[in-house]
Amino acid sequence: MGRRALRKIDPSLDLSSHLKTFDELPCPWDAEKLFGRTAPLEVEVGSGKGLFLRTAAAARPGVDFLAIEVSVKYARYAAAAVAKRNLSNVAVVVGDALRVFGELLPDDSLAAVHVYFPDPWWKKRHKKRRVMRESFVRDVQRTLRPGGSLHFWTDVEEYFNSSLELLADHTDLVGPLEVSEVPAEHDMAYRTHFERRTRLHEKPVHRCEYRKEKQ
């Protein structure tokens, strides 16, 4: 299932408070400089159109959300969606999540990491490009604070199973914890646009959660 064309962004929207490049992020990392306050921080890797981002940010105003999206047009679209709703607890970064985790995010700094429907890179020679790789899962464990969670969903069973093996072999995170499918109460009651499309096509979604043990 390919992605649908994006709607045009309202040119009057000011995205400067929400859309950032890697070089605009605080270095050394300081979440207070980015959000103007100290609050629990959750990171979404691959925000897409930003459905999870804007839904979660609106529902939990006491939590800050950092989204990392490699596609400029999708990052701009997600940033426009949160700017339109005046959600001050969201920042969208155009860039490589591996670099943000590896070079910026400090130990024990995140309340949660969300990875929903990452590109499966189907061809065997391309699988090394997957975000779920040894260096990334090690950084997830390092950056999660004690009690923090990793949420991973995909519609590709092989990717799901290989990621569970990766997490078992290279982290001490507790899991996989089962995540139940929640009935959708209306057309947009899904965590992401991709989940919506997958479930409407009656295809399975593989979900899991991992937690970092409390010290």
N, C-alpha and C. Protein backbone atom coordinates (compact mmCIF):
# COMPACT_ATOMS: atom_id res chain seq x y z
N MET A 1 0.85 -1.19 0.00
CA MET A 1 0.00 0.00 0.00
C MET A 1 0.88 1.25 0.00
N GLY A 2 0.86 2.00 -1.07
CA GLY A 2 1.65 3.22 -1.14
C GLY A 2 0.99 4.35 -0.39
N ARG A 3 1.77 5.37 -0.13
CA ARG A 3 1.22 6.53 0.58
C ARG A 3 0.42 7.41 -0.36
N ARG A 4 -0.66 7.97 0.16
CA ARG A 4 -1.46 8.90 -0.62
C ARG A 4 -0.79 10.27 -0.65
N ALA A 5 -1.15 11.05 -1.65
CA ALA A 5 -0.59 12.40 -1.76
C ALA A 5 -1.02 13.24 -0.56
N LEU A 6 -0.13 14.10 -0.11
CA LEU A 6 -0.42 14.96 1.03
C LEU A 6 -1.24 16.17 0.61
N ARG A 7 -2.09 16.60 1.52
CA ARG A 7 -2.83 17.84 1.28
C ARG A 7 -1.87 19.03 1.39
N LYS A 8 -2.24 20.11 0.75
CA LYS A 8 -1.39 21.30 0.80
C LYS A 8 -1.40 21.90 2.20
N ILE A 9 -0.25 22.42 2.59
CA ILE A 9 -0.11 23.05 3.90
C ILE A 9 -0.52 24.51 3.80
N ASP A 10 -1.25 24.99 4.78
CA ASP A 10 -1.66 26.39 4.84
C ASP A 10 -0.40 27.26 4.90
N PRO A 11 -0.14 28.08 3.90
CA PRO A 11 1.10 28.88 3.88
C PRO A 11 1.17 29.92 4.99
N SER A 12 0.05 30.21 5.63
CA SER A 12 0.05 31.21 6.70
C SER A 12 0.52 30.64 8.03
N LEU A 13 0.64 29.31 8.13
CA LEU A 13 1.07 28.69 9.38
C LEU A 13 2.55 28.94 9.64
N ASP A 14 2.87 29.32 10.85
CA ASP A 14 4.26 29.51 11.26
C ASP A 14 4.76 28.20 11.85
N LEU A 15 5.69 27.55 11.15
CA LEU A 15 6.20 26.25 11.59
C LEU A 15 7.49 26.35 12.40
N SER A 16 7.98 27.55 12.60
CA SER A 16 9.31 27.71 13.19
C SER A 16 9.43 27.13 14.60
N SER A 17 8.33 27.14 15.35
CA SER A 17 8.38 26.62 16.72
C SER A 17 8.30 25.10 16.77
N HIS A 18 7.87 24.50 15.67
CA HIS A 18 7.62 23.05 15.66
C HIS A 18 8.54 22.27 14.76
N LEU A 19 9.02 22.86 13.68
CA LEU A 19 9.84 22.15 12.71
C LEU A 19 11.31 22.53 12.88
N LYS A 20 12.15 21.53 13.10
CA LYS A 20 13.57 21.77 13.36
C LYS A 20 14.43 20.88 12.47
N THR A 21 15.65 21.33 12.24
CA THR A 21 16.67 20.49 11.62
C THR A 21 17.55 19.92 12.74
N PHE A 22 18.39 18.95 12.40
CA PHE A 22 19.29 18.39 13.40
C PHE A 22 20.17 19.47 14.00
N ASP A 23 20.68 20.36 13.16
CA ASP A 23 21.59 21.41 13.63
C ASP A 23 20.92 22.43 14.53
N GLU A 24 19.59 22.48 14.51
CA GLU A 24 18.86 23.42 15.37
C GLU A 24 18.53 22.83 16.74
N LEU A 25 18.81 21.56 16.94
CA LEU A 25 18.56 20.94 18.24
C LEU A 25 19.66 21.33 19.22
N PRO A 26 19.33 21.44 20.51
CA PRO A 26 20.33 21.80 21.50
C PRO A 26 21.44 20.76 21.59
N CYS A 27 22.67 21.23 21.58
CA CYS A 27 23.83 20.35 21.68
C CYS A 27 24.87 21.02 22.59
N PRO A 28 25.13 20.48 23.77
CA PRO A 28 24.60 19.23 24.31
C PRO A 28 23.09 19.30 24.52
N TRP A 29 22.48 18.13 24.60
CA TRP A 29 21.03 18.05 24.67
C TRP A 29 20.47 18.77 25.90
N ASP A 30 19.43 19.55 25.67
CA ASP A 30 18.73 20.25 26.76
C ASP A 30 17.27 20.39 26.32
N ALA A 31 16.42 19.49 26.82
CA ALA A 31 15.02 19.50 26.42
C ALA A 31 14.32 20.78 26.83
N GLU A 32 14.76 21.39 27.93
CA GLU A 32 14.13 22.62 28.38
C GLU A 32 14.33 23.75 27.37
N LYS A 33 15.48 23.78 26.71
CA LYS A 33 15.72 24.80 25.69
C LYS A 33 14.79 24.61 24.49
N LEU A 34 14.45 23.36 24.19
CA LEU A 34 13.61 23.07 23.04
C LEU A 34 12.14 23.32 23.32
N PHE A 35 11.68 22.94 24.52
CA PHE A 35 10.26 23.03 24.84
C PHE A 35 9.90 24.14 25.83
N GLY A 36 10.92 24.77 26.41
CA GLY A 36 10.65 25.85 27.35
C GLY A 36 10.19 25.40 28.71
N ARG A 37 10.41 24.13 29.03
CA ARG A 37 9.99 23.60 30.34
C ARG A 37 10.66 22.26 30.56
N THR A 38 10.51 21.72 31.76
CA THR A 38 10.97 20.38 32.08
C THR A 38 9.76 19.48 32.22
N ALA A 39 9.70 18.44 31.41
CA ALA A 39 8.55 17.52 31.41
C ALA A 39 9.02 16.17 30.89
N PRO A 40 8.25 15.11 31.14
CA PRO A 40 8.59 13.81 30.54
C PRO A 40 8.66 13.93 29.03
N LEU A 41 9.63 13.25 28.42
CA LEU A 41 9.84 13.34 26.98
C LEU A 41 9.66 11.98 26.32
N GLU A 42 8.86 11.95 25.25
CA GLU A 42 8.67 10.75 24.46
C GLU A 42 9.09 11.04 23.03
N VAL A 43 9.69 10.05 22.38
CA VAL A 43 10.19 10.22 21.01
C VAL A 43 9.46 9.27 20.07
N GLU A 44 9.00 9.81 18.94
CA GLU A 44 8.43 8.97 17.89
C GLU A 44 9.41 8.93 16.73
N VAL A 45 9.78 7.74 16.31
CA VAL A 45 10.69 7.55 15.19
C VAL A 45 9.86 7.29 13.94
N GLY A 46 9.88 8.24 13.01
CA GLY A 46 9.08 8.12 11.80
C GLY A 46 7.66 8.59 12.04
N SER A 47 7.45 9.90 12.03
CA SER A 47 6.14 10.45 12.40
C SER A 47 5.11 10.37 11.27
N GLY A 48 5.57 10.20 10.02
CA GLY A 48 4.61 10.16 8.92
C GLY A 48 3.76 11.42 8.88
N LYS A 49 2.45 11.24 8.74
CA LYS A 49 1.54 12.39 8.69
C LYS A 49 1.27 13.00 10.06
N GLY A 50 1.72 12.34 11.12
CA GLY A 50 1.63 12.93 12.45
C GLY A 50 0.35 12.65 13.22
N LEU A 51 -0.41 11.61 12.84
CA LEU A 51 -1.65 11.32 13.56
C LEU A 51 -1.40 10.97 15.02
N PHE A 52 -0.45 10.06 15.26
CA PHE A 52 -0.14 9.72 16.66
C PHE A 52 0.36 10.93 17.40
N LEU A 53 1.22 11.68 16.76
CA LEU A 53 1.86 12.83 17.37
C LEU A 53 0.84 13.83 17.89
N ARG A 54 -0.06 14.26 17.02
CA ARG A 54 -1.02 15.29 17.43
C ARG A 54 -2.08 14.74 18.38
N THR A 55 -2.45 13.47 18.23
CA THR A 55 -3.44 12.88 19.14
C THR A 55 -2.86 12.72 20.53
N ALA A 56 -1.65 12.18 20.62
CA ALA A 56 -1.02 11.97 21.92
C ALA A 56 -0.69 13.28 22.60
N ALA A 57 -0.20 14.26 21.84
CA ALA A 57 0.17 15.55 22.42
C ALA A 57 -1.05 16.28 22.95
N ALA A 58 -2.17 16.19 22.25
CA ALA A 58 -3.40 16.85 22.70
C ALA A 58 -3.96 16.16 23.94
N ALA A 59 -3.85 14.84 23.99
CA ALA A 59 -4.41 14.08 25.11
C ALA A 59 -3.55 14.18 26.36
N ARG A 60 -2.23 14.42 26.19
CA ARG A 60 -1.32 14.46 27.33
C ARG A 60 -0.47 15.74 27.28
N PRO A 61 -1.07 16.87 27.61
CA PRO A 61 -0.35 18.15 27.52
C PRO A 61 0.82 18.26 28.49
N GLY A 62 0.88 17.39 29.49
CA GLY A 62 1.98 17.43 30.45
C GLY A 62 3.21 16.67 29.99
N VAL A 63 3.15 16.10 28.78
CA VAL A 63 4.27 15.35 28.21
C VAL A 63 4.76 16.06 26.96
N ASP A 64 6.07 16.09 26.74
CA ASP A 64 6.64 16.65 25.52
C ASP A 64 6.94 15.52 24.53
N PHE A 65 6.77 15.82 23.24
CA PHE A 65 6.96 14.82 22.19
C PHE A 65 7.95 15.33 21.16
N LEU A 66 8.95 14.52 20.89
CA LEU A 66 9.93 14.80 19.85
C LEU A 66 9.73 13.77 18.75
N ALA A 67 9.39 14.23 17.55
CA ALA A 67 9.21 13.32 16.42
C ALA A 67 10.39 13.47 15.48
N ILE A 68 10.86 12.34 14.94
CA ILE A 68 11.99 12.35 14.01
C ILE A 68 11.52 11.74 12.71
N GLU A 69 11.58 12.52 11.63
CA GLU A 69 11.08 12.09 10.33
C GLU A 69 12.10 12.44 9.26
N VAL A 70 12.54 11.43 8.50
CA VAL A 70 13.58 11.65 7.50
C VAL A 70 13.07 12.37 6.26
N SER A 71 11.78 12.24 5.97
CA SER A 71 11.20 12.89 4.79
C SER A 71 10.83 14.34 5.11
N VAL A 72 11.37 15.27 4.36
CA VAL A 72 11.10 16.69 4.59
C VAL A 72 9.62 16.99 4.44
N LYS A 73 8.98 16.47 3.39
CA LYS A 73 7.58 16.81 3.15
C LYS A 73 6.67 16.25 4.24
N TYR A 74 6.97 15.06 4.75
CA TYR A 74 6.15 14.51 5.82
C TYR A 74 6.42 15.20 7.14
N ALA A 75 7.66 15.57 7.38
CA ALA A 75 7.98 16.32 8.59
C ALA A 75 7.25 17.67 8.60
N ARG A 76 7.23 18.35 7.46
CA ARG A 76 6.53 19.62 7.35
C ARG A 76 5.02 19.43 7.55
N TYR A 77 4.49 18.35 7.01
CA TYR A 77 3.05 18.08 7.14
C TYR A 77 2.69 17.82 8.61
N ALA A 78 3.50 17.01 9.30
CA ALA A 78 3.24 16.72 10.71
C ALA A 78 3.38 17.98 11.55
N ALA A 79 4.40 18.80 11.25
CA ALA A 79 4.59 20.04 12.00
C ALA A 79 3.44 21.01 11.78
N ALA A 80 2.92 21.06 10.55
CA ALA A 80 1.79 21.93 10.25
C ALA A 80 0.55 21.49 11.01
N ALA A 81 0.36 20.17 11.15
CA ALA A 81 -0.80 19.65 11.86
C ALA A 81 -0.78 20.04 13.34
N VAL A 82 0.40 20.02 13.96
CA VAL A 82 0.47 20.40 15.38
C VAL A 82 0.44 21.92 15.53
N ALA A 83 1.01 22.64 14.57
CA ALA A 83 0.97 24.11 14.62
C ALA A 83 -0.47 24.60 14.50
N LYS A 84 -1.24 23.96 13.64
CA LYS A 84 -2.64 24.32 13.43
C LYS A 84 -3.43 24.17 14.72
N ARG A 85 -3.03 23.20 15.55
CA ARG A 85 -3.74 22.93 16.80
C ARG A 85 -3.07 23.60 18.00
N ASN A 86 -2.05 24.41 17.74
CA ASN A 86 -1.36 25.15 18.81
C ASN A 86 -0.83 24.23 19.91
N LEU A 87 -0.25 23.11 19.50
CA LEU A 87 0.30 22.15 20.46
C LEU A 87 1.75 22.51 20.74
N SER A 88 1.98 23.16 21.85
CA SER A 88 3.31 23.66 22.18
C SER A 88 4.24 22.57 22.70
N ASN A 89 3.71 21.37 22.93
CA ASN A 89 4.53 20.29 23.49
C ASN A 89 5.04 19.33 22.43
N VAL A 90 5.20 19.81 21.19
CA VAL A 90 5.67 18.97 20.09
C VAL A 90 6.77 19.67 19.29
N ALA A 91 7.80 18.91 18.95
CA ALA A 91 8.81 19.36 18.00
C ALA A 91 9.04 18.24 17.00
N VAL A 92 9.11 18.58 15.72
CA VAL A 92 9.35 17.62 14.66
C VAL A 92 10.71 17.90 14.05
N VAL A 93 11.57 16.90 14.03
CA VAL A 93 12.93 17.07 13.52
C VAL A 93 13.04 16.38 12.16
N VAL A 94 13.55 17.11 11.19
CA VAL A 94 13.85 16.52 9.89
C VAL A 94 15.25 15.91 9.98
N GLY A 95 15.33 14.59 9.90
CA GLY A 95 16.65 13.99 9.99
C GLY A 95 16.62 12.51 10.27
N ASP A 96 17.80 11.98 10.56
CA ASP A 96 18.02 10.56 10.78
C ASP A 96 17.89 10.25 12.27
N ALA A 97 16.95 9.38 12.61
CA ALA A 97 16.73 9.03 14.01
C ALA A 97 17.96 8.39 14.64
N LEU A 98 18.69 7.61 13.86
CA LEU A 98 19.89 6.96 14.40
C LEU A 98 20.91 8.00 14.86
N ARG A 99 21.00 9.08 14.12
CA ARG A 99 21.94 10.14 14.49
C ARG A 99 21.46 10.89 15.73
N VAL A 100 20.17 11.18 15.81
CA VAL A 100 19.63 11.88 16.98
C VAL A 100 19.87 11.05 18.24
N PHE A 101 19.57 9.75 18.16
CA PHE A 101 19.79 8.89 19.32
C PHE A 101 21.27 8.73 19.62
N GLY A 102 22.07 8.50 18.60
CA GLY A 102 23.47 8.21 18.82
C GLY A 102 24.31 9.40 19.25
N GLU A 103 23.93 10.62 18.80
CA GLU A 103 24.77 11.79 19.04
C GLU A 103 24.21 12.79 20.04
N LEU A 104 22.90 12.76 20.28
CA LEU A 104 22.31 13.81 21.11
C LEU A 104 21.65 13.33 22.40
N LEU A 105 20.78 12.34 22.30
CA LEU A 105 19.95 11.98 23.45
C LEU A 105 20.78 11.30 24.54
N PRO A 106 20.73 11.83 25.76
CA PRO A 106 21.54 11.28 26.85
C PRO A 106 20.91 10.06 27.51
N ASP A 107 21.68 9.43 28.37
CA ASP A 107 21.20 8.26 29.11
C ASP A 107 19.98 8.63 29.97
N ASP A 108 19.06 7.69 30.09
CA ASP A 108 17.93 7.81 31.03
C ASP A 108 17.13 9.09 30.84
N SER A 109 16.93 9.51 29.60
CA SER A 109 16.27 10.79 29.35
C SER A 109 14.86 10.68 28.79
N LEU A 110 14.42 9.48 28.38
CA LEU A 110 13.15 9.35 27.69
C LEU A 110 12.14 8.52 28.49
N ALA A 111 10.91 8.97 28.47
CA ALA A 111 9.83 8.21 29.10
C ALA A 111 9.32 7.10 28.18
N ALA A 112 9.44 7.30 26.86
CA ALA A 112 8.98 6.29 25.91
C ALA A 112 9.58 6.54 24.54
N VAL A 113 9.70 5.47 23.78
CA VAL A 113 10.09 5.53 22.38
C VAL A 113 9.01 4.80 21.58
N HIS A 114 8.54 5.44 20.52
CA HIS A 114 7.47 4.89 19.69
C HIS A 114 8.00 4.65 18.28
N VAL A 115 7.86 3.42 17.81
CA VAL A 115 8.26 3.07 16.44
C VAL A 115 7.08 2.36 15.79
N TYR A 116 6.36 3.07 14.94
CA TYR A 116 5.15 2.52 14.33
C TYR A 116 5.31 2.38 12.82
N PHE A 117 5.19 1.15 12.35
CA PHE A 117 5.21 0.84 10.92
C PHE A 117 6.43 1.43 10.19
N PRO A 118 7.62 1.11 10.67
CA PRO A 118 8.82 1.60 9.97
C PRO A 118 8.95 0.92 8.61
N ASP A 119 9.68 1.56 7.72
CA ASP A 119 9.92 1.00 6.39
C ASP A 119 10.56 -0.38 6.54
N PRO A 120 9.93 -1.43 5.97
CA PRO A 120 10.48 -2.78 6.14
C PRO A 120 11.68 -3.08 5.25
N TRP A 121 11.93 -2.24 4.24
CA TRP A 121 13.04 -2.49 3.31
C TRP A 121 13.02 -3.96 2.89
N TRP A 122 12.10 -4.28 2.03
CA TRP A 122 11.79 -5.67 1.69
C TRP A 122 12.97 -6.45 1.12
N LYS A 123 13.74 -5.85 0.22
CA LYS A 123 14.79 -6.60 -0.44
C LYS A 123 15.90 -6.99 0.55
N LYS A 124 16.43 -8.19 0.39
CA LYS A 124 17.42 -8.72 1.32
C LYS A 124 18.62 -7.79 1.44
N ARG A 125 19.08 -7.24 0.32
CA ARG A 125 20.26 -6.39 0.35
C ARG A 125 19.99 -5.03 1.00
N HIS A 126 18.70 -4.70 1.19
CA HIS A 126 18.34 -3.41 1.78
C HIS A 126 17.99 -3.50 3.26
N LYS A 127 17.88 -4.71 3.80
CA LYS A 127 17.42 -4.87 5.18
C LYS A 127 18.36 -4.21 6.20
N LYS A 128 19.59 -4.01 5.80
CA LYS A 128 20.54 -3.34 6.69
C LYS A 128 20.15 -1.89 6.94
N ARG A 129 19.23 -1.36 6.13
CA ARG A 129 18.77 0.02 6.31
C ARG A 129 17.65 0.14 7.35
N ARG A 130 17.14 -0.95 7.82
CA ARG A 130 16.04 -0.91 8.78
C ARG A 130 16.44 -0.15 10.04
N VAL A 131 15.48 0.58 10.60
CA VAL A 131 15.78 1.33 11.82
C VAL A 131 15.97 0.39 13.00
N MET A 132 15.24 -0.72 13.01
CA MET A 132 15.41 -1.70 14.08
C MET A 132 16.66 -2.52 13.80
N ARG A 133 17.75 -2.04 14.36
CA ARG A 133 19.06 -2.68 14.19
C ARG A 133 19.77 -2.66 15.53
N GLU A 134 20.92 -3.34 15.62
CA GLU A 134 21.59 -3.47 16.91
C GLU A 134 21.93 -2.12 17.54
N SER A 135 22.51 -1.21 16.79
CA SER A 135 22.92 0.08 17.37
C SER A 135 21.72 0.85 17.88
N PHE A 136 20.60 0.78 17.16
CA PHE A 136 19.43 1.52 17.57
C PHE A 136 18.80 0.96 18.84
N VAL A 137 18.62 -0.36 18.92
CA VAL A 137 17.97 -0.92 20.11
C VAL A 137 18.85 -0.73 21.34
N ARG A 138 20.16 -0.73 21.14
CA ARG A 138 21.05 -0.44 22.28
C ARG A 138 20.86 1.00 22.75
N ASP A 139 20.71 1.92 21.78
CA ASP A 139 20.48 3.32 22.15
C ASP A 139 19.11 3.51 22.79
N VAL A 140 18.12 2.74 22.36
CA VAL A 140 16.81 2.82 23.01
C VAL A 140 16.93 2.43 24.48
N GLN A 141 17.60 1.32 24.74
CA GLN A 141 17.78 0.91 26.14
C GLN A 141 18.55 1.97 26.94
N ARG A 142 19.58 2.52 26.33
CA ARG A 142 20.40 3.51 27.03
C ARG A 142 19.63 4.78 27.34
N THR A 143 18.81 5.24 26.41
CA THR A 143 18.13 6.53 26.58
C THR A 143 16.83 6.45 27.37
N LEU A 144 16.22 5.27 27.43
CA LEU A 144 15.01 5.14 28.24
C LEU A 144 15.35 5.30 29.71
N ARG A 145 14.52 6.02 30.43
CA ARG A 145 14.70 6.11 31.87
C ARG A 145 14.14 4.82 32.50
N PRO A 146 14.54 4.49 33.72
CA PRO A 146 13.98 3.30 34.37
C PRO A 146 12.45 3.37 34.41
N GLY A 147 11.80 2.31 33.97
CA GLY A 147 10.35 2.30 33.87
C GLY A 147 9.83 2.76 32.52
N GLY A 148 10.73 3.28 31.65
CA GLY A 148 10.33 3.75 30.34
C GLY A 148 10.00 2.61 29.39
N SER A 149 9.29 2.93 28.29
CA SER A 149 8.78 1.89 27.40
C SER A 149 9.17 2.12 25.94
N LEU A 150 9.36 1.00 25.24
CA LEU A 150 9.48 0.99 23.79
C LEU A 150 8.21 0.39 23.22
N HIS A 151 7.57 1.09 22.29
CA HIS A 151 6.37 0.61 21.62
C HIS A 151 6.72 0.38 20.15
N PHE A 152 6.57 -0.87 19.70
CA PHE A 152 6.93 -1.22 18.33
C PHE A 152 5.75 -1.93 17.66
N TRP A 153 5.30 -1.37 16.51
CA TRP A 153 4.20 -1.97 15.74
C TRP A 153 4.63 -2.08 14.28
N THR A 154 4.22 -3.15 13.64
CA THR A 154 4.46 -3.32 12.21
C THR A 154 3.42 -4.27 11.64
N ASP A 155 3.20 -4.18 10.34
CA ASP A 155 2.30 -5.13 9.67
C ASP A 155 3.10 -6.22 8.97
N VAL A 156 4.42 -6.23 9.15
CA VAL A 156 5.30 -7.22 8.50
C VAL A 156 5.76 -8.23 9.55
N GLU A 157 5.22 -9.43 9.49
CA GLU A 157 5.50 -10.44 10.52
C GLU A 157 6.98 -10.78 10.61
N GLU A 158 7.66 -10.90 9.48
CA GLU A 158 9.09 -11.22 9.49
C GLU A 158 9.89 -10.12 10.19
N TYR A 159 9.54 -8.87 9.92
CA TYR A 159 10.22 -7.74 10.57
C TYR A 159 9.95 -7.76 12.07
N PHE A 160 8.73 -8.07 12.43
CA PHE A 160 8.35 -8.13 13.85
C PHE A 160 9.18 -9.20 14.56
N ASN A 161 9.21 -10.40 14.01
CA ASN A 161 9.92 -11.50 14.66
C ASN A 161 11.43 -11.25 14.72
N SER A 162 12.00 -10.70 13.66
CA SER A 162 13.44 -10.42 13.67
C SER A 162 13.78 -9.33 14.67
N SER A 163 12.86 -8.38 14.86
CA SER A 163 13.08 -7.30 15.84
C SER A 163 13.00 -7.84 17.27
N LEU A 164 12.10 -8.79 17.51
CA LEU A 164 12.03 -9.40 18.84
C LEU A 164 13.34 -10.14 19.15
N GLU A 165 13.89 -10.82 18.15
CA GLU A 165 15.17 -11.52 18.34
C GLU A 165 16.29 -10.51 18.61
N LEU A 166 16.26 -9.41 17.89
CA LEU A 166 17.27 -8.37 18.06
C LEU A 166 17.23 -7.80 19.48
N LEU A 167 16.03 -7.51 19.95
CA LEU A 167 15.86 -6.95 21.29
C LEU A 167 16.28 -7.96 22.36
N ALA A 168 15.99 -9.24 22.14
CA ALA A 168 16.38 -10.27 23.11
C ALA A 168 17.89 -10.45 23.15
N ASP A 169 18.53 -10.35 21.99
CA ASP A 169 19.97 -10.59 21.91
C ASP A 169 20.83 -9.41 22.35
N HIS A 170 20.30 -8.18 22.21
CA HIS A 170 21.16 -7.01 22.40
C HIS A 170 20.67 -6.01 23.45
N THR A 171 19.58 -6.33 24.16
CA THR A 171 19.12 -5.46 25.24
C THR A 171 18.69 -6.29 26.44
N ASP A 172 18.53 -5.61 27.55
CA ASP A 172 17.98 -6.24 28.77
C ASP A 172 16.57 -5.74 29.04
N LEU A 173 15.93 -5.17 28.03
CA LEU A 173 14.57 -4.68 28.21
C LEU A 173 13.62 -5.83 28.50
N VAL A 174 12.61 -5.57 29.29
CA VAL A 174 11.65 -6.60 29.67
C VAL A 174 10.55 -6.66 28.62
N GLY A 175 10.36 -7.83 28.02
CA GLY A 175 9.34 -7.98 27.00
C GLY A 175 9.63 -9.19 26.14
N PRO A 176 8.83 -9.42 25.11
CA PRO A 176 7.76 -8.52 24.66
C PRO A 176 6.50 -8.64 25.52
N LEU A 177 5.92 -7.49 25.83
CA LEU A 177 4.64 -7.44 26.53
C LEU A 177 3.54 -7.34 25.48
N GLU A 178 2.48 -8.09 25.68
CA GLU A 178 1.40 -8.11 24.71
C GLU A 178 0.64 -6.79 24.71
N VAL A 179 0.29 -6.32 23.53
CA VAL A 179 -0.51 -5.10 23.37
C VAL A 179 -1.79 -5.47 22.64
N SER A 180 -2.91 -5.29 23.28
CA SER A 180 -4.18 -5.67 22.69
C SER A 180 -4.63 -4.67 21.63
N GLU A 181 -5.34 -5.16 20.62
CA GLU A 181 -5.91 -4.28 19.61
C GLU A 181 -7.15 -3.60 20.18
N VAL A 182 -7.19 -2.29 20.08
CA VAL A 182 -8.30 -1.51 20.61
C VAL A 182 -9.32 -1.26 19.50
N PRO A 183 -10.59 -1.57 19.72
CA PRO A 183 -11.59 -1.29 18.68
C PRO A 183 -11.64 0.20 18.34
N ALA A 184 -11.74 0.50 17.07
CA ALA A 184 -11.81 1.90 16.63
C ALA A 184 -13.24 2.40 16.76
N GLU A 185 -13.42 3.48 17.50
CA GLU A 185 -14.76 4.02 17.72
C GLU A 185 -15.23 4.90 16.58
N HIS A 186 -14.29 5.41 15.79
CA HIS A 186 -14.65 6.23 14.63
C HIS A 186 -13.53 6.12 13.61
N ASP A 187 -13.68 6.78 12.48
CA ASP A 187 -12.79 6.59 11.33
C ASP A 187 -11.33 6.95 11.61
N MET A 188 -11.09 7.85 12.57
CA MET A 188 -9.72 8.27 12.84
C MET A 188 -9.23 7.78 14.20
N ALA A 189 -9.94 6.81 14.78
CA ALA A 189 -9.56 6.31 16.10
C ALA A 189 -8.49 5.22 15.97
N TYR A 190 -7.37 5.59 15.38
CA TYR A 190 -6.25 4.67 15.20
C TYR A 190 -4.98 5.42 15.63
N ARG A 191 -3.95 4.67 15.98
CA ARG A 191 -2.73 5.33 16.45
C ARG A 191 -2.01 6.06 15.32
N THR A 192 -2.01 5.48 14.12
CA THR A 192 -1.38 6.13 12.97
C THR A 192 -2.26 5.95 11.75
N HIS A 193 -1.99 6.76 10.71
CA HIS A 193 -2.71 6.60 9.45
C HIS A 193 -2.44 5.22 8.85
N PHE A 194 -1.22 4.72 9.03
CA PHE A 194 -0.89 3.43 8.45
C PHE A 194 -1.65 2.31 9.16
N GLU A 195 -1.82 2.43 10.48
CA GLU A 195 -2.63 1.43 11.19
C GLU A 195 -4.06 1.44 10.68
N ARG A 196 -4.59 2.63 10.46
CA ARG A 196 -5.95 2.76 9.95
C ARG A 196 -6.10 2.03 8.62
N ARG A 197 -5.22 2.29 7.69
CA ARG A 197 -5.28 1.67 6.37
C ARG A 197 -5.10 0.16 6.45
N THR A 198 -4.17 -0.28 7.29
CA THR A 198 -3.90 -1.71 7.42
C THR A 198 -5.11 -2.45 7.97
N ARG A 199 -5.71 -1.89 9.02
CA ARG A 199 -6.86 -2.56 9.63
C ARG A 199 -8.10 -2.50 8.74
N LEU A 200 -8.28 -1.40 8.02
CA LEU A 200 -9.42 -1.31 7.11
C LEU A 200 -9.30 -2.32 5.97
N HIS A 201 -8.05 -2.69 5.63
CA HIS A 201 -7.82 -3.73 4.63
C HIS A 201 -7.81 -5.13 5.26
N GLU A 202 -8.17 -5.18 6.55
CA GLU A 202 -8.28 -6.44 7.30
C GLU A 202 -6.98 -7.22 7.30
N LYS A 203 -5.86 -6.50 7.42
CA LYS A 203 -4.56 -7.12 7.54
C LYS A 203 -4.09 -7.05 8.99
N PRO A 204 -3.33 -8.03 9.46
CA PRO A 204 -2.92 -8.04 10.87
C PRO A 204 -1.86 -6.99 11.19
N VAL A 205 -1.91 -6.51 12.40
CA VAL A 205 -0.90 -5.59 12.93
C VAL A 205 -0.22 -6.29 14.10
N HIS A 206 1.09 -6.35 14.08
CA HIS A 206 1.87 -7.00 15.14
C HIS A 206 2.35 -5.91 16.10
N ARG A 207 2.02 -6.06 17.37
CA ARG A 207 2.31 -5.03 18.36
C ARG A 207 3.07 -5.61 19.54
N CYS A 208 3.98 -4.83 20.10
CA CYS A 208 4.63 -5.24 21.34
C CYS A 208 5.10 -4.02 22.12
N GLU A 209 5.35 -4.23 23.38
CA GLU A 209 5.91 -3.21 24.26
C GLU A 209 7.04 -3.82 25.05
N TYR A 210 8.10 -3.05 25.25
CA TYR A 210 9.21 -3.45 26.11
C TYR A 210 9.40 -2.37 27.18
N ARG A 211 9.85 -2.75 28.34
CA ARG A 211 10.07 -1.79 29.42
C ARG A 211 11.46 -1.94 30.00
N LYS A 212 12.00 -0.80 30.41
CA LYS A 212 13.29 -0.81 31.08
C LYS A 212 13.04 -0.97 32.57
N GLU A 213 13.73 -1.92 33.17
CA GLU A 213 13.49 -2.21 34.59
C GLU A 213 13.79 -0.98 35.46
N LYS A 214 12.97 -0.82 36.47
CA LYS A 214 13.21 0.25 37.43
C LYS A 214 14.38 -0.14 38.34
N GLN A 215 15.19 0.83 38.64
CA GLN A 215 16.36 0.55 39.46
C GLN A 215 16.02 0.58 40.94
